[in-house]
């Protein structure tokens, strides 16, 4: 994966996909690429995502790194600026970026425009009802660069949707937008099969 190392051309990148496309793996690889060249990165992750312990980003293939956590009321510009003053940052990487607020996406755009630090955000585009997450909606609107990470539906075509399952493997059609879970709770599907299951 390329290293986005031009400080003069700092950009906000949004890498989006459905689940199980390798977003965390791509994030960890990007961070490693920077650090291998002696550069400093800051990895951010939502505080409530405790699947692998709070303050950790871990991929399904087993690699992981420590992360600084944020909540909905965290000022990311302030947090990143403070970290940058302590140790100059070359890149900020955000896991589960769909959980950002509109204000936080704006703050990330300020990080690139004012602090000249590239920001790489990784997240889901839509929730289990096919609705856009707040963070994803504004990342799609305001990012300089959009990149899709492809996942595959069971039929072999590209998966663009995420279905939430109950304990019987049936589609869940209502409930809280945020519910942390893995392969036992969520499955990636193409739009056709998502509609067949969701509207059955």
N, C-alpha and C. Protein backbone atom coordinates (compact mmCIF):
# COMPACT_ATOMS: atom_id res chain seq x y z
N UNK A 1 0.84 -1.19 0.00
CA UNK A 1 0.00 0.00 0.00
C UNK A 1 0.88 1.24 0.00
N UNK A 2 0.47 2.28 -0.74
CA UNK A 2 1.26 3.49 -0.84
C UNK A 2 1.34 4.20 0.50
N UNK A 3 2.43 4.90 0.68
CA UNK A 3 2.62 5.73 1.85
C UNK A 3 2.26 7.16 1.47
N UNK A 4 1.27 7.74 2.13
CA UNK A 4 0.83 9.09 1.79
C UNK A 4 1.72 10.07 2.55
N UNK A 5 2.91 10.35 2.02
CA UNK A 5 3.89 11.06 2.84
C UNK A 5 4.13 12.50 2.43
N UNK A 6 3.34 13.04 1.52
CA UNK A 6 3.56 14.42 1.12
C UNK A 6 2.81 15.37 2.05
N UNK A 7 3.57 16.07 2.93
CA UNK A 7 2.95 16.95 3.91
C UNK A 7 2.27 18.13 3.22
N UNK A 8 2.83 18.58 2.10
CA UNK A 8 2.26 19.73 1.40
C UNK A 8 0.91 19.40 0.78
N UNK A 9 0.68 18.11 0.54
CA UNK A 9 -0.55 17.69 -0.12
C UNK A 9 -1.37 16.79 0.80
N UNK A 10 -1.40 17.13 2.08
CA UNK A 10 -2.15 16.32 3.05
C UNK A 10 -3.61 16.23 2.62
N UNK A 11 -4.15 15.02 2.66
CA UNK A 11 -5.54 14.81 2.25
C UNK A 11 -6.29 13.97 3.26
N UNK A 12 -7.61 14.06 3.18
CA UNK A 12 -8.49 13.21 3.97
C UNK A 12 -8.97 12.08 3.07
N UNK A 13 -8.60 10.86 3.44
CA UNK A 13 -8.95 9.66 2.68
C UNK A 13 -10.04 8.89 3.42
N UNK A 14 -11.01 8.37 2.67
CA UNK A 14 -12.01 7.48 3.28
C UNK A 14 -12.00 6.16 2.53
N UNK A 15 -11.58 5.11 3.25
CA UNK A 15 -11.60 3.75 2.74
C UNK A 15 -12.85 3.08 3.28
N UNK A 16 -13.80 2.80 2.42
CA UNK A 16 -15.09 2.27 2.88
C UNK A 16 -15.37 0.89 2.29
N UNK A 17 -16.22 0.15 2.98
CA UNK A 17 -16.59 -1.19 2.49
C UNK A 17 -17.72 -1.72 3.36
N UNK A 18 -18.13 -2.96 3.08
CA UNK A 18 -19.00 -3.68 4.01
C UNK A 18 -18.08 -4.43 4.98
N UNK A 19 -18.64 -5.30 5.81
CA UNK A 19 -17.81 -5.98 6.80
C UNK A 19 -16.93 -7.06 6.16
N UNK A 20 -15.86 -7.38 6.86
CA UNK A 20 -14.96 -8.47 6.45
C UNK A 20 -14.27 -8.24 5.10
N UNK A 21 -13.98 -6.95 4.82
CA UNK A 21 -13.27 -6.64 3.58
C UNK A 21 -11.78 -6.42 3.83
N UNK A 22 -11.39 -6.40 5.11
CA UNK A 22 -9.98 -6.21 5.44
C UNK A 22 -9.61 -4.77 5.74
N UNK A 23 -10.58 -3.98 6.24
CA UNK A 23 -10.30 -2.56 6.54
C UNK A 23 -9.23 -2.42 7.62
N UNK A 24 -9.37 -3.16 8.71
CA UNK A 24 -8.40 -3.04 9.81
C UNK A 24 -7.02 -3.53 9.36
N UNK A 25 -6.99 -4.57 8.54
CA UNK A 25 -5.71 -5.06 8.01
C UNK A 25 -5.04 -3.98 7.18
N UNK A 26 -5.82 -3.30 6.34
CA UNK A 26 -5.28 -2.22 5.48
C UNK A 26 -4.77 -1.07 6.34
N UNK A 27 -5.52 -0.73 7.39
CA UNK A 27 -5.10 0.34 8.31
C UNK A 27 -3.77 -0.01 8.97
N UNK A 28 -3.68 -1.22 9.49
CA UNK A 28 -2.46 -1.66 10.17
C UNK A 28 -1.27 -1.70 9.23
N UNK A 29 -1.51 -2.10 7.99
CA UNK A 29 -0.44 -2.14 6.99
C UNK A 29 0.05 -0.73 6.68
N UNK A 30 -0.88 0.21 6.53
CA UNK A 30 -0.50 1.61 6.26
C UNK A 30 0.32 2.19 7.40
N UNK A 31 -0.13 1.95 8.64
CA UNK A 31 0.59 2.45 9.80
C UNK A 31 2.00 1.84 9.86
N UNK A 32 2.08 0.56 9.58
CA UNK A 32 3.38 -0.13 9.58
C UNK A 32 4.32 0.47 8.53
N UNK A 33 3.76 0.78 7.35
CA UNK A 33 4.59 1.36 6.27
C UNK A 33 5.23 2.67 6.71
N UNK A 34 4.46 3.50 7.39
CA UNK A 34 5.00 4.76 7.90
C UNK A 34 6.09 4.52 8.94
N UNK A 35 5.75 3.66 9.91
CA UNK A 35 6.67 3.44 11.03
C UNK A 35 7.97 2.78 10.57
N UNK A 36 7.87 1.95 9.57
CA UNK A 36 9.07 1.28 9.02
C UNK A 36 10.05 2.31 8.46
N UNK A 37 9.52 3.46 8.03
CA UNK A 37 10.35 4.52 7.48
C UNK A 37 10.72 5.56 8.54
N UNK A 38 10.49 5.22 9.81
CA UNK A 38 10.87 6.12 10.89
C UNK A 38 9.90 7.26 11.13
N UNK A 39 8.69 7.14 10.57
CA UNK A 39 7.69 8.19 10.75
C UNK A 39 6.69 7.80 11.85
N UNK A 40 6.04 8.80 12.40
CA UNK A 40 5.11 8.57 13.52
C UNK A 40 3.66 8.62 13.06
N UNK A 41 2.87 7.67 13.55
CA UNK A 41 1.44 7.64 13.23
C UNK A 41 0.64 7.67 14.53
N UNK A 42 -0.59 8.13 14.40
CA UNK A 42 -1.53 8.08 15.52
C UNK A 42 -2.74 7.27 15.05
N UNK A 43 -3.01 6.17 15.75
CA UNK A 43 -4.16 5.32 15.41
C UNK A 43 -5.28 5.62 16.41
N UNK A 44 -6.47 5.93 15.87
CA UNK A 44 -7.63 6.24 16.71
C UNK A 44 -8.71 5.19 16.53
N UNK A 45 -9.42 4.88 17.61
CA UNK A 45 -10.51 3.89 17.55
C UNK A 45 -11.61 4.30 18.54
N UNK A 46 -12.88 3.97 18.23
CA UNK A 46 -13.97 4.33 19.14
C UNK A 46 -13.81 3.66 20.50
N UNK A 47 -14.12 4.41 21.55
CA UNK A 47 -13.96 3.92 22.92
C UNK A 47 -14.84 2.70 23.20
N UNK A 48 -16.05 2.68 22.63
CA UNK A 48 -16.99 1.60 22.97
C UNK A 48 -16.73 0.30 22.21
N UNK A 49 -15.81 0.31 21.25
CA UNK A 49 -15.51 -0.92 20.51
C UNK A 49 -14.52 -1.74 21.32
N UNK A 50 -15.05 -2.67 22.12
CA UNK A 50 -14.20 -3.44 23.03
C UNK A 50 -14.08 -4.91 22.64
N UNK A 51 -14.31 -5.20 21.35
CA UNK A 51 -14.24 -6.60 20.90
C UNK A 51 -12.89 -7.22 21.22
N UNK A 52 -11.81 -6.46 21.10
CA UNK A 52 -10.46 -6.98 21.33
C UNK A 52 -9.79 -6.29 22.52
N UNK A 53 -10.61 -5.64 23.36
CA UNK A 53 -10.09 -4.83 24.45
C UNK A 53 -10.11 -3.37 24.02
N UNK A 54 -10.37 -2.48 24.96
CA UNK A 54 -10.45 -1.05 24.63
C UNK A 54 -9.07 -0.54 24.22
N UNK A 55 -9.03 0.28 23.18
CA UNK A 55 -7.76 0.86 22.74
C UNK A 55 -6.90 -0.09 21.94
N UNK A 56 -7.56 -0.98 21.19
CA UNK A 56 -6.81 -1.90 20.31
C UNK A 56 -7.48 -1.96 18.95
N UNK A 57 -6.67 -2.00 17.92
CA UNK A 57 -7.16 -2.30 16.57
C UNK A 57 -6.54 -3.63 16.19
N UNK A 58 -7.41 -4.59 15.88
CA UNK A 58 -6.93 -5.93 15.56
C UNK A 58 -7.61 -6.42 14.29
N UNK A 59 -6.84 -7.03 13.40
CA UNK A 59 -7.42 -7.55 12.17
C UNK A 59 -7.76 -9.03 12.34
N UNK A 60 -8.58 -9.54 11.44
CA UNK A 60 -8.98 -10.94 11.52
C UNK A 60 -7.82 -11.89 11.26
N UNK A 61 -6.73 -11.37 10.65
CA UNK A 61 -5.58 -12.25 10.40
C UNK A 61 -4.59 -12.24 11.57
N UNK A 62 -4.95 -11.49 12.65
CA UNK A 62 -4.18 -11.62 13.88
C UNK A 62 -3.23 -10.48 14.22
N UNK A 63 -2.99 -9.54 13.31
CA UNK A 63 -2.09 -8.44 13.65
C UNK A 63 -2.87 -7.35 14.39
N UNK A 64 -2.18 -6.62 15.27
CA UNK A 64 -2.88 -5.62 16.06
C UNK A 64 -1.94 -4.49 16.45
N UNK A 65 -2.53 -3.39 16.93
CA UNK A 65 -1.74 -2.27 17.44
C UNK A 65 -2.55 -1.56 18.52
N UNK A 66 -1.84 -0.82 19.36
CA UNK A 66 -2.51 0.01 20.36
C UNK A 66 -3.14 1.21 19.67
N UNK A 67 -4.26 1.68 20.21
CA UNK A 67 -4.94 2.84 19.63
C UNK A 67 -5.35 3.81 20.72
N UNK A 68 -5.42 5.08 20.35
CA UNK A 68 -5.98 6.11 21.23
C UNK A 68 -7.48 6.13 21.00
N UNK A 69 -8.26 6.08 22.07
CA UNK A 69 -9.72 6.00 21.90
C UNK A 69 -10.35 7.39 21.87
N UNK A 70 -11.52 7.46 21.22
CA UNK A 70 -12.29 8.69 21.20
C UNK A 70 -13.77 8.37 21.44
N UNK A 71 -14.49 9.34 21.96
CA UNK A 71 -15.94 9.21 22.12
C UNK A 71 -16.60 10.28 21.27
N UNK A 72 -17.93 10.33 21.29
CA UNK A 72 -18.66 11.28 20.44
C UNK A 72 -18.35 12.74 20.73
N UNK A 73 -17.94 13.02 21.98
CA UNK A 73 -17.69 14.42 22.32
C UNK A 73 -16.20 14.78 22.31
N UNK A 74 -15.35 13.88 21.82
CA UNK A 74 -13.92 14.17 21.71
C UNK A 74 -13.67 15.16 20.57
N UNK A 75 -12.92 16.22 20.86
CA UNK A 75 -12.50 17.14 19.81
C UNK A 75 -11.24 16.56 19.16
N UNK A 76 -11.39 16.00 17.97
CA UNK A 76 -10.26 15.29 17.35
C UNK A 76 -9.16 16.24 16.89
N UNK A 77 -9.52 17.45 16.49
CA UNK A 77 -8.49 18.42 16.11
C UNK A 77 -7.60 18.73 17.31
N UNK A 78 -8.25 18.93 18.45
CA UNK A 78 -7.51 19.23 19.69
C UNK A 78 -6.63 18.04 20.09
N UNK A 79 -7.21 16.85 20.05
CA UNK A 79 -6.48 15.63 20.43
C UNK A 79 -5.26 15.42 19.52
N UNK A 80 -5.47 15.57 18.23
CA UNK A 80 -4.39 15.32 17.26
C UNK A 80 -3.32 16.40 17.35
N UNK A 81 -3.77 17.66 17.53
CA UNK A 81 -2.82 18.78 17.63
C UNK A 81 -1.93 18.60 18.85
N UNK A 82 -2.52 18.18 19.96
CA UNK A 82 -1.76 17.96 21.19
C UNK A 82 -0.74 16.83 21.01
N UNK A 83 -1.16 15.75 20.36
CA UNK A 83 -0.26 14.62 20.09
C UNK A 83 0.86 15.04 19.13
N UNK A 84 0.52 15.86 18.15
CA UNK A 84 1.47 16.35 17.14
C UNK A 84 2.54 17.24 17.79
N UNK A 85 2.14 18.02 18.80
CA UNK A 85 3.10 18.89 19.49
C UNK A 85 4.07 18.07 20.33
N UNK A 86 3.56 16.97 20.89
CA UNK A 86 4.41 16.10 21.72
C UNK A 86 5.40 15.32 20.85
N UNK A 87 4.95 14.90 19.67
CA UNK A 87 5.79 14.13 18.75
C UNK A 87 5.22 14.33 17.35
N UNK A 88 5.97 14.96 16.44
CA UNK A 88 5.44 15.27 15.10
C UNK A 88 4.83 14.04 14.42
N UNK A 89 3.60 14.19 13.98
CA UNK A 89 2.87 13.09 13.33
C UNK A 89 2.98 13.18 11.82
N UNK A 90 3.08 12.03 11.18
CA UNK A 90 3.13 11.97 9.72
C UNK A 90 1.83 11.45 9.13
N UNK A 91 1.00 10.83 9.98
CA UNK A 91 -0.28 10.30 9.49
C UNK A 91 -1.18 9.97 10.67
N UNK A 92 -2.49 10.21 10.49
CA UNK A 92 -3.50 9.80 11.48
C UNK A 92 -4.39 8.76 10.81
N UNK A 93 -4.63 7.65 11.50
CA UNK A 93 -5.45 6.57 10.95
C UNK A 93 -6.60 6.28 11.90
N UNK A 94 -7.80 6.15 11.35
CA UNK A 94 -9.00 5.97 12.17
C UNK A 94 -9.72 4.69 11.82
N UNK A 95 -9.91 3.83 12.81
CA UNK A 95 -10.65 2.59 12.63
C UNK A 95 -12.12 2.81 12.97
N UNK A 96 -13.01 2.08 12.31
CA UNK A 96 -14.46 2.19 12.56
C UNK A 96 -14.92 3.66 12.43
N UNK A 97 -14.50 4.29 11.34
CA UNK A 97 -14.76 5.72 11.14
C UNK A 97 -16.23 6.05 10.92
N UNK A 98 -17.05 5.02 10.69
CA UNK A 98 -18.50 5.28 10.54
C UNK A 98 -19.09 5.87 11.82
N UNK A 99 -18.42 5.67 12.96
CA UNK A 99 -18.95 6.14 14.24
C UNK A 99 -18.55 7.59 14.56
N UNK A 100 -17.85 8.24 13.67
CA UNK A 100 -17.53 9.66 13.86
C UNK A 100 -18.81 10.49 13.78
N UNK A 101 -18.80 11.65 14.40
CA UNK A 101 -19.91 12.59 14.24
C UNK A 101 -19.59 13.53 13.09
N UNK A 102 -20.60 14.29 12.67
CA UNK A 102 -20.41 15.30 11.62
C UNK A 102 -19.30 16.27 12.04
N UNK A 103 -19.34 16.73 13.30
CA UNK A 103 -18.32 17.68 13.78
C UNK A 103 -16.93 17.08 13.72
N UNK A 104 -16.82 15.80 14.07
CA UNK A 104 -15.50 15.15 14.07
C UNK A 104 -14.94 15.00 12.65
N UNK A 105 -15.81 14.75 11.68
CA UNK A 105 -15.32 14.68 10.29
C UNK A 105 -14.81 16.06 9.87
N UNK A 106 -15.52 17.12 10.29
CA UNK A 106 -15.06 18.48 10.01
C UNK A 106 -13.69 18.71 10.67
N UNK A 107 -13.55 18.26 11.92
CA UNK A 107 -12.27 18.42 12.63
C UNK A 107 -11.14 17.70 11.89
N UNK A 108 -11.43 16.54 11.33
CA UNK A 108 -10.40 15.81 10.56
C UNK A 108 -10.01 16.57 9.30
N UNK A 109 -10.98 17.25 8.69
CA UNK A 109 -10.65 18.05 7.51
C UNK A 109 -9.74 19.22 7.91
N UNK A 110 -9.92 19.73 9.13
CA UNK A 110 -9.05 20.79 9.64
C UNK A 110 -7.63 20.26 9.90
N UNK A 111 -7.54 18.99 10.32
CA UNK A 111 -6.23 18.36 10.54
C UNK A 111 -5.43 18.36 9.23
N UNK A 112 -6.11 18.03 8.13
CA UNK A 112 -5.40 18.00 6.84
C UNK A 112 -5.14 19.41 6.32
N UNK A 113 -6.12 20.31 6.46
CA UNK A 113 -5.99 21.64 5.87
C UNK A 113 -5.08 22.56 6.68
N UNK A 114 -5.13 22.47 8.00
CA UNK A 114 -4.36 23.39 8.85
C UNK A 114 -3.06 22.80 9.38
N UNK A 115 -3.14 21.53 9.83
CA UNK A 115 -1.94 20.89 10.38
C UNK A 115 -1.11 20.19 9.30
N UNK A 116 -1.70 20.05 8.12
CA UNK A 116 -1.02 19.40 6.97
C UNK A 116 -0.63 17.96 7.27
N UNK A 117 -1.50 17.25 8.00
CA UNK A 117 -1.26 15.83 8.31
C UNK A 117 -2.30 15.00 7.55
N UNK A 118 -1.87 14.00 6.77
CA UNK A 118 -2.84 13.13 6.08
C UNK A 118 -3.66 12.33 7.09
N UNK A 119 -4.94 12.17 6.79
CA UNK A 119 -5.84 11.38 7.63
C UNK A 119 -6.43 10.25 6.79
N UNK A 120 -6.28 9.02 7.27
CA UNK A 120 -6.81 7.83 6.59
C UNK A 120 -7.91 7.25 7.47
N UNK A 121 -9.16 7.37 7.02
CA UNK A 121 -10.30 6.87 7.79
C UNK A 121 -10.83 5.60 7.14
N UNK A 122 -11.11 4.59 7.95
CA UNK A 122 -11.59 3.30 7.46
C UNK A 122 -12.93 2.99 8.12
N UNK A 123 -13.96 2.69 7.32
CA UNK A 123 -15.24 2.40 7.94
C UNK A 123 -16.27 1.81 7.01
N UNK A 124 -17.42 1.46 7.59
CA UNK A 124 -18.55 0.95 6.84
C UNK A 124 -19.31 2.11 6.21
N UNK A 125 -19.89 1.86 5.05
CA UNK A 125 -20.68 2.90 4.40
C UNK A 125 -22.10 2.93 4.97
N UNK A 126 -22.71 1.77 5.13
CA UNK A 126 -24.11 1.70 5.58
C UNK A 126 -24.28 0.74 6.76
N UNK A 127 -25.39 0.94 7.49
CA UNK A 127 -25.70 0.08 8.62
C UNK A 127 -26.54 -1.12 8.18
N UNK A 128 -27.04 -1.88 9.17
CA UNK A 128 -27.77 -3.12 8.87
C UNK A 128 -29.14 -2.89 8.24
N UNK A 129 -29.59 -1.63 8.22
CA UNK A 129 -30.86 -1.30 7.57
C UNK A 129 -30.64 -0.65 6.20
N UNK A 130 -29.39 -0.58 5.79
CA UNK A 130 -29.08 0.06 4.51
C UNK A 130 -29.01 1.57 4.60
N UNK A 131 -28.98 2.09 5.83
CA UNK A 131 -28.91 3.55 6.04
C UNK A 131 -27.45 3.97 6.24
N UNK A 132 -27.09 5.16 5.75
CA UNK A 132 -25.71 5.62 5.97
C UNK A 132 -25.45 5.99 7.42
N UNK A 133 -24.27 5.63 7.92
CA UNK A 133 -23.84 6.10 9.23
C UNK A 133 -23.51 7.59 9.12
N UNK A 134 -23.62 8.31 10.23
CA UNK A 134 -23.33 9.76 10.20
C UNK A 134 -21.89 10.02 9.75
N UNK A 135 -20.95 9.30 10.35
CA UNK A 135 -19.54 9.51 9.99
C UNK A 135 -19.28 9.24 8.51
N UNK A 136 -19.84 8.14 8.02
CA UNK A 136 -19.63 7.76 6.62
C UNK A 136 -20.25 8.77 5.67
N UNK A 137 -21.43 9.27 6.03
CA UNK A 137 -22.13 10.23 5.17
C UNK A 137 -21.26 11.47 4.93
N UNK A 138 -20.67 11.97 6.02
CA UNK A 138 -19.87 13.19 5.88
C UNK A 138 -18.46 12.91 5.34
N UNK A 139 -17.94 11.72 5.60
CA UNK A 139 -16.67 11.35 4.98
C UNK A 139 -16.83 11.23 3.46
N UNK A 140 -17.95 10.64 3.03
CA UNK A 140 -18.22 10.54 1.59
C UNK A 140 -18.38 11.92 0.97
N UNK A 141 -18.93 12.86 1.75
CA UNK A 141 -19.17 14.20 1.23
C UNK A 141 -17.91 15.07 1.23
N UNK A 142 -17.07 14.92 2.25
CA UNK A 142 -16.00 15.89 2.47
C UNK A 142 -14.59 15.36 2.21
N UNK A 143 -14.41 14.06 2.03
CA UNK A 143 -13.05 13.53 1.82
C UNK A 143 -12.48 13.96 0.47
N UNK A 144 -11.16 14.08 0.43
CA UNK A 144 -10.48 14.39 -0.84
C UNK A 144 -10.42 13.16 -1.73
N UNK A 145 -10.37 12.00 -1.09
CA UNK A 145 -10.11 10.78 -1.83
C UNK A 145 -10.94 9.64 -1.27
N UNK A 146 -11.77 9.01 -2.10
CA UNK A 146 -12.61 7.89 -1.69
C UNK A 146 -12.08 6.60 -2.30
N UNK A 147 -11.92 5.57 -1.47
CA UNK A 147 -11.42 4.30 -1.98
C UNK A 147 -12.28 3.17 -1.42
N UNK A 148 -12.79 2.33 -2.31
CA UNK A 148 -13.59 1.19 -1.88
C UNK A 148 -12.70 -0.02 -1.65
N UNK A 149 -12.90 -0.68 -0.51
CA UNK A 149 -12.22 -1.95 -0.24
C UNK A 149 -13.29 -3.02 -0.45
N UNK A 150 -13.03 -3.94 -1.36
CA UNK A 150 -14.09 -4.87 -1.78
C UNK A 150 -14.22 -6.08 -0.86
N UNK A 151 -15.47 -6.41 -0.58
CA UNK A 151 -15.82 -7.66 0.11
C UNK A 151 -16.69 -8.46 -0.84
N UNK A 152 -16.83 -9.74 -0.57
CA UNK A 152 -17.55 -10.63 -1.48
C UNK A 152 -18.78 -11.24 -0.80
N UNK A 153 -19.91 -11.21 -1.50
CA UNK A 153 -21.14 -11.87 -1.05
C UNK A 153 -20.99 -13.38 -1.25
N UNK A 154 -21.85 -14.15 -0.60
CA UNK A 154 -21.80 -15.62 -0.74
C UNK A 154 -22.05 -16.06 -2.18
N UNK A 155 -22.66 -15.17 -3.00
CA UNK A 155 -22.94 -15.54 -4.39
C UNK A 155 -21.74 -15.26 -5.31
N UNK A 156 -20.70 -14.62 -4.74
CA UNK A 156 -19.50 -14.37 -5.53
C UNK A 156 -19.40 -12.95 -6.09
N UNK A 157 -20.49 -12.17 -6.02
CA UNK A 157 -20.42 -10.78 -6.49
C UNK A 157 -19.99 -9.87 -5.34
N UNK A 158 -19.75 -8.60 -5.67
CA UNK A 158 -19.28 -7.65 -4.66
C UNK A 158 -20.34 -7.41 -3.59
N UNK A 159 -19.92 -7.46 -2.33
CA UNK A 159 -20.83 -7.18 -1.22
C UNK A 159 -20.76 -5.70 -0.88
N UNK A 160 -21.92 -5.05 -0.86
CA UNK A 160 -21.97 -3.62 -0.55
C UNK A 160 -22.83 -3.34 0.68
N UNK A 161 -23.53 -4.34 1.18
CA UNK A 161 -24.47 -4.16 2.29
C UNK A 161 -24.08 -5.04 3.48
N UNK A 162 -24.59 -4.68 4.66
CA UNK A 162 -24.32 -5.46 5.87
C UNK A 162 -25.66 -5.85 6.49
N UNK A 163 -25.84 -7.15 6.73
CA UNK A 163 -27.07 -7.67 7.33
C UNK A 163 -26.79 -8.07 8.77
N UNK A 164 -27.66 -7.66 9.71
CA UNK A 164 -27.54 -8.08 11.11
C UNK A 164 -28.41 -9.31 11.31
N UNK A 165 -27.87 -10.31 11.99
CA UNK A 165 -28.60 -11.56 12.20
C UNK A 165 -28.97 -11.76 13.66
N UNK A 166 -30.11 -12.44 13.89
CA UNK A 166 -30.46 -12.82 15.26
C UNK A 166 -29.86 -14.19 15.56
N UNK A 167 -30.17 -14.73 16.74
CA UNK A 167 -29.57 -16.01 17.15
C UNK A 167 -30.00 -17.18 16.28
N UNK A 168 -31.09 -17.00 15.52
CA UNK A 168 -31.55 -18.06 14.60
C UNK A 168 -31.06 -17.85 13.17
N UNK A 169 -30.23 -16.83 12.98
CA UNK A 169 -29.71 -16.57 11.64
C UNK A 169 -30.67 -15.82 10.74
N UNK A 170 -31.70 -15.22 11.35
CA UNK A 170 -32.68 -14.44 10.58
C UNK A 170 -32.28 -12.97 10.58
N UNK A 171 -32.70 -12.24 9.54
CA UNK A 171 -32.36 -10.83 9.42
C UNK A 171 -33.05 -10.00 10.50
N UNK A 172 -32.28 -9.12 11.14
CA UNK A 172 -32.84 -8.16 12.10
C UNK A 172 -33.14 -6.88 11.32
N UNK A 173 -34.38 -6.38 11.44
CA UNK A 173 -34.78 -5.23 10.63
C UNK A 173 -34.95 -3.95 11.44
N UNK A 174 -34.92 -4.04 12.77
CA UNK A 174 -34.99 -2.83 13.57
C UNK A 174 -34.14 -2.96 14.81
N UNK A 175 -33.84 -1.81 15.41
CA UNK A 175 -32.99 -1.81 16.60
C UNK A 175 -31.97 -0.68 16.51
N UNK A 176 -31.09 -0.62 17.49
CA UNK A 176 -30.07 0.42 17.56
C UNK A 176 -29.10 0.32 16.38
N UNK A 177 -28.71 1.47 15.85
CA UNK A 177 -27.77 1.45 14.72
C UNK A 177 -26.42 0.88 15.16
N UNK A 178 -26.05 1.17 16.38
CA UNK A 178 -24.74 0.72 16.89
C UNK A 178 -24.92 -0.50 17.78
N UNK A 179 -24.36 -1.59 17.34
CA UNK A 179 -24.33 -2.82 18.14
C UNK A 179 -23.10 -3.59 17.73
N UNK A 180 -22.13 -3.62 18.63
CA UNK A 180 -20.84 -4.23 18.31
C UNK A 180 -21.00 -5.74 18.16
N UNK A 181 -20.42 -6.26 17.10
CA UNK A 181 -20.49 -7.71 16.88
C UNK A 181 -19.59 -8.13 15.73
N UNK A 182 -19.41 -9.42 15.60
CA UNK A 182 -18.55 -9.95 14.55
C UNK A 182 -19.33 -10.80 13.57
N UNK A 183 -18.67 -11.86 13.10
CA UNK A 183 -19.27 -12.71 12.07
C UNK A 183 -20.53 -13.44 12.53
N UNK A 184 -20.69 -13.56 13.86
CA UNK A 184 -21.88 -14.24 14.38
C UNK A 184 -23.11 -13.33 14.28
N UNK A 185 -22.89 -12.03 14.18
CA UNK A 185 -24.00 -11.07 14.18
C UNK A 185 -24.21 -10.39 12.84
N UNK A 186 -23.17 -10.32 12.04
CA UNK A 186 -23.25 -9.56 10.79
C UNK A 186 -22.71 -10.37 9.61
N UNK A 187 -23.30 -10.15 8.46
CA UNK A 187 -22.80 -10.79 7.24
C UNK A 187 -22.88 -9.79 6.10
N UNK A 188 -21.84 -9.78 5.27
CA UNK A 188 -21.81 -8.87 4.12
C UNK A 188 -22.50 -9.53 2.93
N UNK A 189 -23.29 -8.74 2.22
CA UNK A 189 -24.05 -9.26 1.08
C UNK A 189 -24.10 -8.25 -0.06
N UNK A 190 -24.37 -8.74 -1.25
CA UNK A 190 -24.66 -7.85 -2.37
C UNK A 190 -26.06 -7.25 -2.13
N UNK A 191 -26.39 -6.20 -2.84
CA UNK A 191 -27.69 -5.54 -2.63
C UNK A 191 -28.86 -6.48 -2.88
N UNK A 192 -28.75 -7.30 -3.92
CA UNK A 192 -29.84 -8.23 -4.29
C UNK A 192 -30.17 -9.17 -3.13
N UNK A 193 -29.14 -9.81 -2.56
CA UNK A 193 -29.39 -10.77 -1.49
C UNK A 193 -29.74 -10.09 -0.17
N UNK A 194 -29.22 -8.87 0.04
CA UNK A 194 -29.61 -8.09 1.22
C UNK A 194 -31.11 -7.82 1.17
N UNK A 195 -31.60 -7.38 0.02
CA UNK A 195 -33.03 -7.07 -0.12
C UNK A 195 -33.88 -8.31 0.08
N UNK A 196 -33.44 -9.44 -0.47
CA UNK A 196 -34.19 -10.70 -0.33
C UNK A 196 -34.35 -11.08 1.13
N UNK A 197 -33.29 -10.90 1.92
CA UNK A 197 -33.31 -11.28 3.35
C UNK A 197 -34.03 -10.22 4.19
N UNK A 198 -33.70 -8.96 3.95
CA UNK A 198 -34.19 -7.86 4.80
C UNK A 198 -35.69 -7.65 4.63
N UNK A 199 -36.17 -7.80 3.40
CA UNK A 199 -37.59 -7.53 3.12
C UNK A 199 -38.41 -8.80 2.98
N UNK A 200 -37.83 -9.92 3.46
CA UNK A 200 -38.54 -11.21 3.34
C UNK A 200 -39.81 -11.21 4.17
